[in-house]
PDB file of N, CA and C in Angstrom:
ATOM      1  N   MET A   1       0.866  -1.380  -0.011  1.00  0.00           N
ATOM      2  CA  MET A   1      -0.156  -0.011   0.304  1.00  0.00           C
ATOM      3  C   MET A   1       0.780   1.427   0.011  1.00  0.00           C
ATOM      4  N   GLU A   2       0.642   2.181  -0.638  1.00  0.00           N
ATOM      5  CA  GLU A   2       1.166   3.838  -1.366  1.00  0.00           C
ATOM      6  C   GLU A   2       0.726   5.090  -0.249  1.00  0.00           C
ATOM      7  N   ARG A   3       1.299   6.213  -0.339  1.00  0.00           N
ATOM      8  CA  ARG A   3       0.816   7.266   0.585  1.00  0.00           C
ATOM      9  C   ARG A   3       1.081   8.398  -0.513  1.00  0.00           C
ATOM     10  N   PHE A   4       0.920   9.010  -0.897  1.00  0.00           N
ATOM     11  CA  PHE A   4       1.723   9.649  -1.659  1.00  0.00           C
ATOM     12  C   PHE A   4       1.897  11.231  -1.201  1.00  0.00           C
ATOM     13  N   TRP A   5       2.763  12.227  -1.151  1.00  0.00           N
ATOM     14  CA  TRP A   5       2.921  13.316  -0.306  1.00  0.00           C
ATOM     15  C   TRP A   5       3.284  14.638  -1.886  1.00  0.00           C
ATOM     16  N   VAL A   6       3.117  15.907  -1.236  1.00  0.00           N
ATOM     17  CA  VAL A   6       3.695  16.228  -2.083  1.00  0.00           C
ATOM     18  C   VAL A   6       4.685  17.636  -0.714  1.00  0.00           C
ATOM     19  N   VAL A   7       5.978  17.400  -1.175  1.00  0.00           N
ATOM     20  CA  VAL A   7       6.891  18.099  -0.365  1.00  0.00           C
ATOM     21  C   VAL A   7       7.754  19.511  -1.218  1.00  0.00           C
ATOM     22  N   GLY A   8       8.145  20.441  -0.583  1.00  0.00           N
ATOM     23  CA  GLY A   8       9.220  21.213  -1.003  1.00  0.00           C
ATOM     24  C   GLY A   8       8.910  22.438  -0.127  1.00  0.00           C
ATOM     25  N   GLY A   9       8.775  23.798  -1.333  1.00  0.00           N
ATOM     26  CA  GLY A   9       8.971  25.043  -0.453  1.00  0.00           C
ATOM     27  C   GLY A   9       9.840  26.013  -1.553  1.00  0.00           C
ATOM     28  N   GLU A  10       9.669  27.217  -0.620  1.00  0.00           N
ATOM     29  CA  GLU A  10      10.757  28.009  -1.451  1.00  0.00           C
ATOM     30  C   GLU A  10      12.634  28.329  -0.501  1.00  0.00           C
ATOM     31  N   TYR A  11      13.089  27.881  -1.710  1.00  0.00           N
ATOM     32  CA  TYR A  11      14.764  27.632  -1.432  1.00  0.00           C
ATOM     33  C   TYR A  11      15.514  29.283  -0.751  1.00  0.00           C
ATOM     34  N   SER A  12      16.512  29.309  -0.886  1.00  0.00           N
ATOM     35  CA  SER A  12      17.656  30.290  -0.317  1.00  0.00           C
ATOM     36  C   SER A  12      18.004  30.751  -1.442  1.00  0.00           C
ATOM     37  N   CYS A  13      17.997  29.818  -2.069  1.00  0.00           N
ATOM     38  CA  CYS A  13      18.635  30.290  -3.676  1.00  0.00           C
ATOM     39  C   CYS A  13      18.655  29.082  -4.864  1.00  0.00           C
ATOM     40  N   LEU A  14      19.279  29.398  -5.753  1.00  0.00           N
ATOM     41  CA  LEU A  14      19.141  28.692  -6.931  1.00  0.00           C
ATOM     42  C   LEU A  14      19.766  27.672  -6.760  1.00  0.00           C
ATOM     43  N   ALA A  15      20.634  27.608  -5.530  1.00  0.00           N
ATOM     44  CA  ALA A  15      21.025  26.209  -5.836  1.00  0.00           C
ATOM     45  C   ALA A  15      20.596  24.689  -5.271  1.00  0.00           C
ATOM     46  N   PHE A  16      18.961  25.652  -4.689  1.00  0.00           N
ATOM     47  CA  PHE A  16      18.594  24.391  -4.166  1.00  0.00           C
ATOM     48  C   PHE A  16      18.375  23.633  -2.875  1.00  0.00           C
ATOM     49  N   LYS A  17      19.399  23.753  -1.566  1.00  0.00           N
ATOM     50  CA  LYS A  17      20.179  23.559  -0.905  1.00  0.00           C
ATOM     51  C   LYS A  17      19.354  23.799   0.363  1.00  0.00           C
ATOM     52  N   THR A  18      18.795  24.757   0.809  1.00  0.00           N
ATOM     53  CA  THR A  18      18.098  25.286   2.126  1.00  0.00           C
ATOM     54  C   THR A  18      16.732  25.931   1.478  1.00  0.00           C
ATOM     55  N   LEU A  19      15.425  25.466   2.384  1.00  0.00           N
ATOM     56  CA  LEU A  19      14.199  25.998   2.340  1.00  0.00           C
ATOM     57  C   LEU A  19      14.643  27.155   3.098  1.00  0.00           C
ATOM     58  N   LYS A  20      14.197  28.021   2.515  1.00  0.00           N
ATOM     59  CA  LYS A  20      13.845  29.305   3.684  1.00  0.00           C
ATOM     60  C   LYS A  20      13.370  29.206   4.450  1.00  0.00           C
ATOM     61  N   ASN A  21      12.095  28.522   4.721  1.00  0.00           N
ATOM     62  CA  ASN A  21      11.178  28.527   6.489  1.00  0.00           C
ATOM     63  C   ASN A  21      10.893  26.905   6.708  1.00  0.00           C
ATOM     64  N   GLY A  22      11.693  26.100   5.851  1.00  0.00           N
ATOM     65  CA  GLY A  22      11.805  24.375   5.986  1.00  0.00           C
ATOM     66  C   GLY A  22      10.754  24.258   5.209  1.00  0.00           C
ATOM     67  N   PRO A  23      10.207  23.006   5.045  1.00  0.00           N
ATOM     68  CA  PRO A  23       9.880  22.068   4.488  1.00  0.00           C
ATOM     69  C   PRO A  23       7.780  22.545   4.125  1.00  0.00           C
ATOM     70  N   GLU A  24       7.320  22.454   2.884  1.00  0.00           N
ATOM     71  CA  GLU A  24       5.595  22.341   2.995  1.00  0.00           C
ATOM     72  C   GLU A  24       5.930  21.062   2.875  1.00  0.00           C
ATOM     73  N   VAL A  25       4.424  20.163   3.586  1.00  0.00           N
ATOM     74  CA  VAL A  25       4.181  18.893   3.279  1.00  0.00           C
ATOM     75  C   VAL A  25       2.635  19.126   3.150  1.00  0.00           C
ATOM     76  N   ILE A  26       2.289  18.536   1.756  1.00  0.00           N
ATOM     77  CA  ILE A  26       0.625  18.803   1.594  1.00  0.00           C
ATOM     78  C   ILE A  26       0.642  17.235   1.348  1.00  0.00           C
ATOM     79  N   GLY A  27      -1.103  16.505   1.404  1.00  0.00           N
ATOM     80  CA  GLY A  27      -1.015  15.559   1.937  1.00  0.00           C
ATOM     81  C   GLY A  27      -1.255  14.628   3.789  1.00  0.00           C
ATOM     82  N   PRO A  28      -1.409  13.674   3.515  1.00  0.00           N
ATOM     83  CA  PRO A  28      -1.375  12.401   2.603  1.00  0.00           C
ATOM     84  C   PRO A  28      -2.393  12.381   1.599  1.00  0.00           C
ATOM     85  N   PHE A  29      -1.983  11.820   0.147  1.00  0.00           N
ATOM     86  CA  PHE A  29      -2.885  11.306  -1.121  1.00  0.00           C
ATOM     87  C   PHE A  29      -3.073  10.241  -1.018  1.00  0.00           C
ATOM     88  N   GLU A  30      -3.876   9.014  -1.643  1.00  0.00           N
ATOM     89  CA  GLU A  30      -4.292   7.784  -1.847  1.00  0.00           C
ATOM     90  C   GLU A  30      -3.864   7.663  -3.127  1.00  0.00           C
ATOM     91  N   SER A  31      -3.628   8.818  -3.629  1.00  0.00           N
ATOM     92  CA  SER A  31      -3.465   7.905  -5.101  1.00  0.00           C
ATOM     93  C   SER A  31      -2.194   9.016  -5.770  1.00  0.00           C
ATOM     94  N   ARG A  32      -1.785   8.652  -6.735  1.00  0.00           N
ATOM     95  CA  ARG A  32      -0.777   9.390  -7.222  1.00  0.00           C
ATOM     96  C   ARG A  32      -1.256  10.114  -7.744  1.00  0.00           C
ATOM     97  N   ASP A  33      -2.446  10.100  -8.693  1.00  0.00           N
ATOM     98  CA  ASP A  33      -3.155  11.457  -9.722  1.00  0.00           C
ATOM     99  C   ASP A  33      -3.520  12.499  -8.844  1.00  0.00           C
ATOM    100  N   GLU A  34      -4.052  12.120  -7.559  1.00  0.00           N
ATOM    101  CA  GLU A  34      -4.409  13.197  -6.952  1.00  0.00           C
ATOM    102  C   GLU A  34      -2.963  14.463  -6.449  1.00  0.00           C
ATOM    103  N   ALA A  35      -1.915  13.215  -6.160  1.00  0.00           N
ATOM    104  CA  ALA A  35      -0.919  14.121  -6.000  1.00  0.00           C
ATOM    105  C   ALA A  35      -0.625  14.935  -7.066  1.00  0.00           C
ATOM    106  N   LYS A  36      -0.572  14.146  -7.897  1.00  0.00           N
ATOM    107  CA  LYS A  36      -0.060  15.096  -9.154  1.00  0.00           C
ATOM    108  C   LYS A  36      -1.248  16.838  -9.266  1.00  0.00           C
ATOM    109  N   ALA A  37      -2.217  16.408  -9.046  1.00  0.00           N
ATOM    110  CA  ALA A  37      -3.021  17.393  -9.512  1.00  0.00           C
ATOM    111  C   ALA A  37      -2.793  18.473  -7.902  1.00  0.00           C
ATOM    112  N   ALA A  38      -2.757  17.964  -6.715  1.00  0.00           N
ATOM    113  CA  ALA A  38      -1.914  19.065  -6.039  1.00  0.00           C
ATOM    114  C   ALA A  38      -0.542  19.820  -6.230  1.00  0.00           C
ATOM    115  N   TRP A  39       0.148  18.786  -6.600  1.00  0.00           N
ATOM    116  CA  TRP A  39       1.723  19.249  -7.140  1.00  0.00           C
ATOM    117  C   TRP A  39       1.240  20.247  -8.114  1.00  0.00           C
ATOM    118  N   ARG A  40       0.694  19.998  -8.994  1.00  0.00           N
ATOM    119  CA  ARG A  40       0.047  21.225 -10.277  1.00  0.00           C
ATOM    120  C   ARG A  40      -0.039  22.184 -10.107  1.00  0.00           C
ATOM    121  N   ARG A  41      -1.106  22.711  -9.159  1.00  0.00           N
ATOM    122  CA  ARG A  41      -2.239  23.281  -8.018  1.00  0.00           C
ATOM    123  C   ARG A  41      -0.693  24.381  -7.602  1.00  0.00           C
ATOM    124  N   ILE A  42       0.014  23.992  -6.835  1.00  0.00           N
ATOM    125  CA  ILE A  42       0.774  23.995  -6.079  1.00  0.00           C
ATOM    126  C   ILE A  42       2.110  25.082  -7.040  1.00  0.00           C
ATOM    127  N   SER A  43       2.319  23.780  -8.492  1.00  0.00           N
ATOM    128  CA  SER A  43       3.562  24.439  -8.865  1.00  0.00           C
ATOM    129  C   SER A  43       2.995  25.785  -9.531  1.00  0.00           C
ATOM    130  N   ASP A  44       1.668  25.788  -9.594  1.00  0.00           N
ATOM    131  CA  ASP A  44       1.434  27.194 -11.144  1.00  0.00           C
ATOM    132  C   ASP A  44       1.168  27.662 -10.226  1.00  0.00           C
ATOM    133  N   GLU A  45       0.530  28.417  -8.767  1.00  0.00           N
ATOM    134  CA  GLU A  45       0.866  29.081  -7.710  1.00  0.00           C
ATOM    135  C   GLU A  45       1.987  29.981  -7.822  1.00  0.00           C
ATOM    136  N   THR A  46       3.243  28.856  -8.093  1.00  0.00           N
ATOM    137  CA  THR A  46       4.285  29.472  -7.279  1.00  0.00           C
ATOM    138  C   THR A  46       5.609  29.689  -8.243  1.00  0.00           C
ATOM    139  N   ARG A  47       4.434  29.487  -9.763  1.00  0.00           N
ATOM    140  CA  ARG A  47       5.388  29.294 -11.310  1.00  0.00           C
ATOM    141  C   ARG A  47       6.230  30.763 -10.463  1.00  0.00           C
ATOM    142  N   SER A  48       5.577  32.145 -10.646  1.00  0.00           N
ATOM    143  CA  SER A  48       6.511  33.221 -10.909  1.00  0.00           C
ATOM    144  C   SER A  48       7.578  33.206  -9.602  1.00  0.00           C
ATOM    145  N   CYS A  49       8.000  32.412  -9.272  1.00  0.00           N
ATOM    146  CA  CYS A  49       8.924  32.364  -7.285  1.00  0.00           C
ATOM    147  C   CYS A  49      10.090  31.365  -8.495  1.00  0.00           C
ATOM    148  N   ALA A  50      11.437  31.935  -8.768  1.00  0.00           N
ATOM    149  CA  ALA A  50      11.988  30.893  -9.365  1.00  0.00           C
ATOM    150  C   ALA A  50      13.141  29.952  -8.543  1.00  0.00           C
ATOM    151  N   THR A  51      12.824  30.099  -7.397  1.00  0.00           N
ATOM    152  CA  THR A  51      13.377  29.178  -5.605  1.00  0.00           C
ATOM    153  C   THR A  51      12.823  28.165  -5.776  1.00  0.00           C
ATOM    154  N   ALA A  52      11.202  28.656  -5.746  1.00  0.00           N
ATOM    155  CA  ALA A  52      10.208  27.443  -5.609  1.00  0.00           C
ATOM    156  C   ALA A  52      10.717  25.707  -6.147  1.00  0.00           C
ATOM    157  N   ARG A  53      10.309  24.929  -5.848  1.00  0.00           N
ATOM    158  CA  ARG A  53      10.565  23.167  -6.431  1.00  0.00           C
ATOM    159  C   ARG A  53       9.521  22.504  -5.238  1.00  0.00           C
ATOM    160  N   TYR A  54       9.111  21.705  -5.974  1.00  0.00           N
ATOM    161  CA  TYR A  54       8.134  20.792  -5.076  1.00  0.00           C
ATOM    162  C   TYR A  54       8.464  19.581  -5.747  1.00  0.00           C
ATOM    163  N   ALA A  55       7.954  18.355  -5.256  1.00  0.00           N
ATOM    164  CA  ALA A  55       7.930  16.876  -5.729  1.00  0.00           C
ATOM    165  C   ALA A  55       6.861  16.426  -4.897  1.00  0.00           C
ATOM    166  N   ILE A  56       6.396  15.048  -5.808  1.00  0.00           N
ATOM    167  CA  ILE A  56       5.763  14.145  -4.620  1.00  0.00           C
ATOM    168  C   ILE A  56       7.008  12.738  -4.617  1.00  0.00           C
ATOM    169  N   ALA A  57       6.376  12.931  -3.425  1.00  0.00           N
ATOM    170  CA  ALA A  57       6.792  11.685  -2.392  1.00  0.00           C
ATOM    171  C   ALA A  57       6.239  10.360  -2.201  1.00  0.00           C
ATOM    172  N   THR A  58       7.013   9.050  -2.381  1.00  0.00           N
ATOM    173  CA  THR A  58       6.005   7.754  -1.849  1.00  0.00           C
ATOM    174  C   THR A  58       6.482   7.335  -0.782  1.00  0.00           C
ATOM    175  N   GLU A  59       5.238   7.216  -0.306  1.00  0.00           N
ATOM    176  CA  GLU A  59       5.690   6.284   1.159  1.00  0.00           C
ATOM    177  C   GLU A  59       4.886   4.854   1.055  1.00  0.00           C
ATOM    178  N   GLN A  60       5.816   4.669   1.138  1.00  0.00           N
ATOM    179  CA  GLN A  60       5.194   2.648   1.215  1.00  0.00           C
ATOM    180  C   GLN A  60       4.934   2.311   3.058  1.00  0.00           C
ATOM    181  N   LEU A  61       3.572   1.764   2.206  1.00  0.00           N
ATOM    182  CA  LEU A  61       3.012   1.426   4.018  1.00  0.00           C
ATOM    183  C   LEU A  61       2.908  -0.033   4.277  1.00  0.00           C
ATOM    184  N   VAL A  62       3.429  -0.676   5.573  1.00  0.00           N
ATOM    185  CA  VAL A  62       3.395  -1.911   5.584  1.00  0.00           C
ATOM    186  C   VAL A  62       2.648  -2.338   7.215  1.00  0.00           C
ATOM    187  N   LEU A  63       1.684  -3.328   6.288  1.00  0.00           N
ATOM    188  CA  LEU A  63       0.284  -3.557   7.065  1.00  0.00           C
ATOM    189  C   LEU A  63       0.921  -4.553   8.481  1.00  0.00           C
ATOM    190  N   PRO A  64       0.208  -4.332   9.428  1.00  0.00           N
ATOM    191  CA  PRO A  64       0.477  -6.182  10.108  1.00  0.00           C
ATOM    192  C   PRO A  64      -0.641  -6.967   9.597  1.00  0.00           C
ATOM    193  N   ASN A  65      -0.039  -8.148   9.321  1.00  0.00           N
ATOM    194  CA  ASN A  65      -0.624  -9.075   9.048  1.00  0.00           C
ATOM    195  C   ASN A  65      -1.773  -9.166  10.343  1.00  0.00           C
TER     196      ASN A  65
END
């Protein structure tokens, strides 16, 4: 079973090594399509900010038997 998260934020410079205000975490989402829609929305909202970057992360869930 998997869950999906959108993570990222605004970085301090174009080297993309240090986030200005810590990471933004959006989710969890039950499907990659839901996460992709959220990623697209946040990416479009921050399009004019050259130092903003977001990605979709996958969490593998192991459920007890």
